[in-house]
C-alpha cells in the first residue's frame, strides 16, 4: 500500500473543509430561521396569555358586581 503524500492529505483536507463550511452555512441559516419561529411563537403565546387573563379578570369582576347587587 503506497504512502499518502503531504500534497494528497492537503488536497483531501481542503475538500473536507469546503464541505464542512457549506454544511455550517446551511446549519446556521436553519438555526436563525428556527430562532425567528420561536420568537414568533413566544409573541403569540404572550398575546394569548394577556387575552385569557383579561377575560378571567373581567369575568371575576362581573361576578363580584353581581354578588354585591344581589346581596
N, C-alpha and C. Protein backbone atom coordinates (compact mmCIF):
# COMPACT_ATOMS: atom_id res chain seq x y z
N UNK A 1 0.85 -1.16 0.00
CA UNK A 1 0.00 0.00 0.00
C UNK A 1 0.91 1.24 0.00
N UNK A 2 0.70 2.12 -1.00
CA UNK A 2 1.59 3.29 -1.08
C UNK A 2 1.28 4.28 0.04
N UNK A 3 2.30 4.99 0.41
CA UNK A 3 2.14 6.00 1.45
C UNK A 3 1.45 7.24 0.88
N UNK A 4 0.67 7.87 1.72
CA UNK A 4 -0.04 9.09 1.32
C UNK A 4 0.93 10.26 1.44
N UNK A 5 0.94 11.10 0.41
CA UNK A 5 1.85 12.24 0.44
C UNK A 5 1.19 13.42 1.14
N UNK A 6 2.02 14.37 1.49
CA UNK A 6 1.53 15.59 2.14
C UNK A 6 0.59 16.34 1.21
N UNK A 7 0.89 16.35 -0.06
CA UNK A 7 0.05 17.05 -1.03
C UNK A 7 -1.34 16.41 -1.11
N UNK A 8 -1.39 15.07 -1.06
CA UNK A 8 -2.68 14.38 -1.10
C UNK A 8 -3.49 14.66 0.16
N UNK A 9 -2.83 14.64 1.31
CA UNK A 9 -3.52 14.95 2.57
C UNK A 9 -4.03 16.38 2.54
N UNK A 10 -3.22 17.30 2.03
CA UNK A 10 -3.62 18.69 1.96
C UNK A 10 -4.84 18.86 1.06
N UNK A 11 -4.82 18.20 -0.10
CA UNK A 11 -5.96 18.30 -1.02
C UNK A 11 -7.22 17.72 -0.39
N UNK A 12 -7.09 16.58 0.25
CA UNK A 12 -8.24 15.94 0.90
C UNK A 12 -8.78 16.83 2.02
N UNK A 13 -7.89 17.40 2.79
CA UNK A 13 -8.30 18.28 3.89
C UNK A 13 -9.01 19.52 3.36
N UNK A 14 -8.51 20.09 2.27
CA UNK A 14 -9.18 21.26 1.69
C UNK A 14 -10.59 20.92 1.22
N UNK A 15 -10.75 19.76 0.59
CA UNK A 15 -12.08 19.33 0.16
C UNK A 15 -13.01 19.14 1.37
N UNK A 16 -12.47 18.53 2.40
CA UNK A 16 -13.26 18.29 3.62
C UNK A 16 -13.69 19.61 4.25
N UNK A 17 -12.76 20.54 4.36
CA UNK A 17 -13.08 21.84 4.96
C UNK A 17 -14.12 22.60 4.14
N UNK A 18 -14.04 22.49 2.82
CA UNK A 18 -15.03 23.16 1.97
C UNK A 18 -16.42 22.57 2.20
N UNK A 19 -16.50 21.24 2.31
CA UNK A 19 -17.81 20.61 2.58
C UNK A 19 -18.33 21.02 3.95
N UNK A 20 -17.45 21.04 4.94
CA UNK A 20 -17.87 21.42 6.30
C UNK A 20 -18.35 22.87 6.33
N UNK A 21 -17.65 23.74 5.62
CA UNK A 21 -18.05 25.15 5.61
C UNK A 21 -19.44 25.31 5.00
N UNK A 22 -19.72 24.58 3.94
CA UNK A 22 -21.03 24.65 3.31
C UNK A 22 -22.11 24.10 4.25
N UNK A 23 -21.81 23.02 4.93
CA UNK A 23 -22.78 22.47 5.89
C UNK A 23 -23.02 23.44 7.03
N UNK A 24 -21.96 24.08 7.50
CA UNK A 24 -22.10 25.05 8.60
C UNK A 24 -22.99 26.22 8.17
N UNK A 25 -22.81 26.71 6.95
CA UNK A 25 -23.66 27.80 6.46
C UNK A 25 -25.13 27.38 6.48
N UNK A 26 -25.39 26.17 6.00
CA UNK A 26 -26.76 25.67 5.97
C UNK A 26 -27.31 25.54 7.38
N UNK A 27 -26.51 24.99 8.28
CA UNK A 27 -26.97 24.82 9.67
C UNK A 27 -27.23 26.16 10.34
N UNK A 28 -26.34 27.12 10.16
CA UNK A 28 -26.52 28.42 10.80
C UNK A 28 -27.76 29.13 10.25
N UNK A 29 -28.01 28.98 8.95
CA UNK A 29 -29.22 29.58 8.36
C UNK A 29 -30.46 28.94 8.97
N UNK A 30 -30.44 27.62 9.09
CA UNK A 30 -31.58 26.91 9.67
C UNK A 30 -31.80 27.31 11.12
N UNK A 31 -30.73 27.44 11.88
CA UNK A 31 -30.84 27.83 13.29
C UNK A 31 -31.41 29.24 13.40
N UNK A 32 -30.99 30.13 12.55
CA UNK A 32 -31.52 31.50 12.59
C UNK A 32 -33.02 31.51 12.26
N UNK A 33 -33.42 30.69 11.29
CA UNK A 33 -34.85 30.60 10.96
C UNK A 33 -35.63 30.04 12.14
N UNK A 34 -35.08 29.04 12.80
CA UNK A 34 -35.75 28.46 13.97
C UNK A 34 -35.87 29.47 15.10
N UNK A 35 -34.83 30.26 15.31
CA UNK A 35 -34.90 31.31 16.34
C UNK A 35 -36.03 32.29 16.04
N UNK A 36 -36.15 32.68 14.77
CA UNK A 36 -37.23 33.59 14.38
C UNK A 36 -38.60 32.97 14.62
N UNK A 37 -38.73 31.69 14.28
CA UNK A 37 -40.00 31.00 14.50
C UNK A 37 -40.33 30.91 15.99
N UNK A 38 -39.33 30.62 16.81
CA UNK A 38 -39.54 30.53 18.26
C UNK A 38 -39.95 31.89 18.82
N UNK A 39 -39.31 32.95 18.37
CA UNK A 39 -39.67 34.30 18.83
C UNK A 39 -41.11 34.63 18.43
N UNK A 40 -41.50 34.23 17.22
CA UNK A 40 -42.87 34.47 16.76
C UNK A 40 -43.87 33.71 17.63
N UNK A 41 -43.57 32.46 17.94
CA UNK A 41 -44.45 31.67 18.81
C UNK A 41 -44.54 32.30 20.20
N UNK A 42 -43.41 32.77 20.73
CA UNK A 42 -43.42 33.41 22.05
C UNK A 42 -44.31 34.66 22.06
N UNK A 43 -44.24 35.46 21.00
CA UNK A 43 -45.10 36.65 20.93
C UNK A 43 -46.58 36.26 20.90
N UNK A 44 -46.90 35.21 20.15
CA UNK A 44 -48.29 34.77 20.08
C UNK A 44 -48.76 34.24 21.44
N UNK A 45 -47.89 33.51 22.13
CA UNK A 45 -48.25 33.00 23.45
C UNK A 45 -48.46 34.14 24.44
N UNK A 46 -47.62 35.16 24.36
CA UNK A 46 -47.80 36.32 25.23
C UNK A 46 -49.15 36.99 24.98
N UNK A 47 -49.50 37.15 23.71
CA UNK A 47 -50.77 37.77 23.36
C UNK A 47 -51.94 36.93 23.88
N UNK A 48 -51.84 35.62 23.71
CA UNK A 48 -52.91 34.74 24.20
C UNK A 48 -53.01 34.79 25.71
N UNK A 49 -51.88 34.84 26.40
CA UNK A 49 -51.88 34.91 27.86
C UNK A 49 -52.58 36.18 28.34
N UNK A 50 -52.26 37.32 27.73
CA UNK A 50 -52.91 38.57 28.12
C UNK A 50 -54.40 38.51 27.83
N UNK A 51 -54.80 37.90 26.72
CA UNK A 51 -56.22 37.80 26.39
C UNK A 51 -56.96 36.95 27.41
N UNK A 52 -56.38 35.82 27.78
CA UNK A 52 -57.02 34.93 28.75
C UNK A 52 -57.10 35.59 30.12
N UNK A 53 -56.01 36.23 30.54
CA UNK A 53 -56.02 36.92 31.84
C UNK A 53 -57.03 38.06 31.85
N UNK A 54 -57.14 38.78 30.74
CA UNK A 54 -58.13 39.85 30.64
C UNK A 54 -59.54 39.31 30.74
N UNK A 55 -59.79 38.20 30.05
CA UNK A 55 -61.11 37.57 30.11
C UNK A 55 -61.42 37.11 31.53
N UNK A 56 -60.47 36.46 32.18
CA UNK A 56 -60.70 35.98 33.54
C UNK A 56 -60.93 37.14 34.51
N UNK A 57 -60.15 38.20 34.37
CA UNK A 57 -60.32 39.35 35.25
C UNK A 57 -61.69 39.99 35.05
N UNK A 58 -62.11 40.11 33.81
CA UNK A 58 -63.43 40.68 33.51
C UNK A 58 -64.53 39.80 34.10
N UNK A 59 -64.39 38.49 33.96
CA UNK A 59 -65.38 37.57 34.50
C UNK A 59 -65.46 37.65 36.02
N UNK A 60 -64.33 37.71 36.68
CA UNK A 60 -64.30 37.80 38.15
C UNK A 60 -64.93 39.11 38.61
N UNK A 61 -64.61 40.20 37.93
CA UNK A 61 -65.20 41.50 38.30
C UNK A 61 -66.71 41.46 38.11
N UNK A 62 -67.16 40.87 37.00
CA UNK A 62 -68.61 40.79 36.74
C UNK A 62 -69.29 39.95 37.81
N UNK A 63 -68.67 38.86 38.21
CA UNK A 63 -69.26 38.02 39.28
C UNK A 63 -69.31 38.77 40.61
N UNK A 64 -68.26 39.50 40.92
CA UNK A 64 -68.24 40.26 42.17
C UNK A 64 -69.32 41.34 42.16
N UNK A 65 -69.47 42.02 41.05
CA UNK A 65 -70.50 43.06 40.93
C UNK A 65 -71.89 42.44 41.07
N UNK A 66 -72.08 41.29 40.44
CA UNK A 66 -73.39 40.62 40.53
C UNK A 66 -73.66 40.18 41.97
N UNK A 67 -72.66 39.69 42.68
CA UNK A 67 -72.86 39.26 44.06
C UNK A 67 -73.19 40.45 44.96
N UNK A 68 -72.55 41.58 44.71
CA UNK A 68 -72.81 42.77 45.52
C UNK A 68 -74.23 43.28 45.26
N UNK A 69 -74.67 43.25 44.03
CA UNK A 69 -76.01 43.74 43.68
C UNK A 69 -77.09 42.86 44.29
N UNK A 70 -76.89 41.56 44.32
CA UNK A 70 -77.91 40.65 44.83
C UNK A 70 -77.84 40.46 46.34
N UNK A 71 -76.88 41.05 46.97
CA UNK A 71 -76.76 40.92 48.43
C UNK A 71 -77.68 41.86 49.17
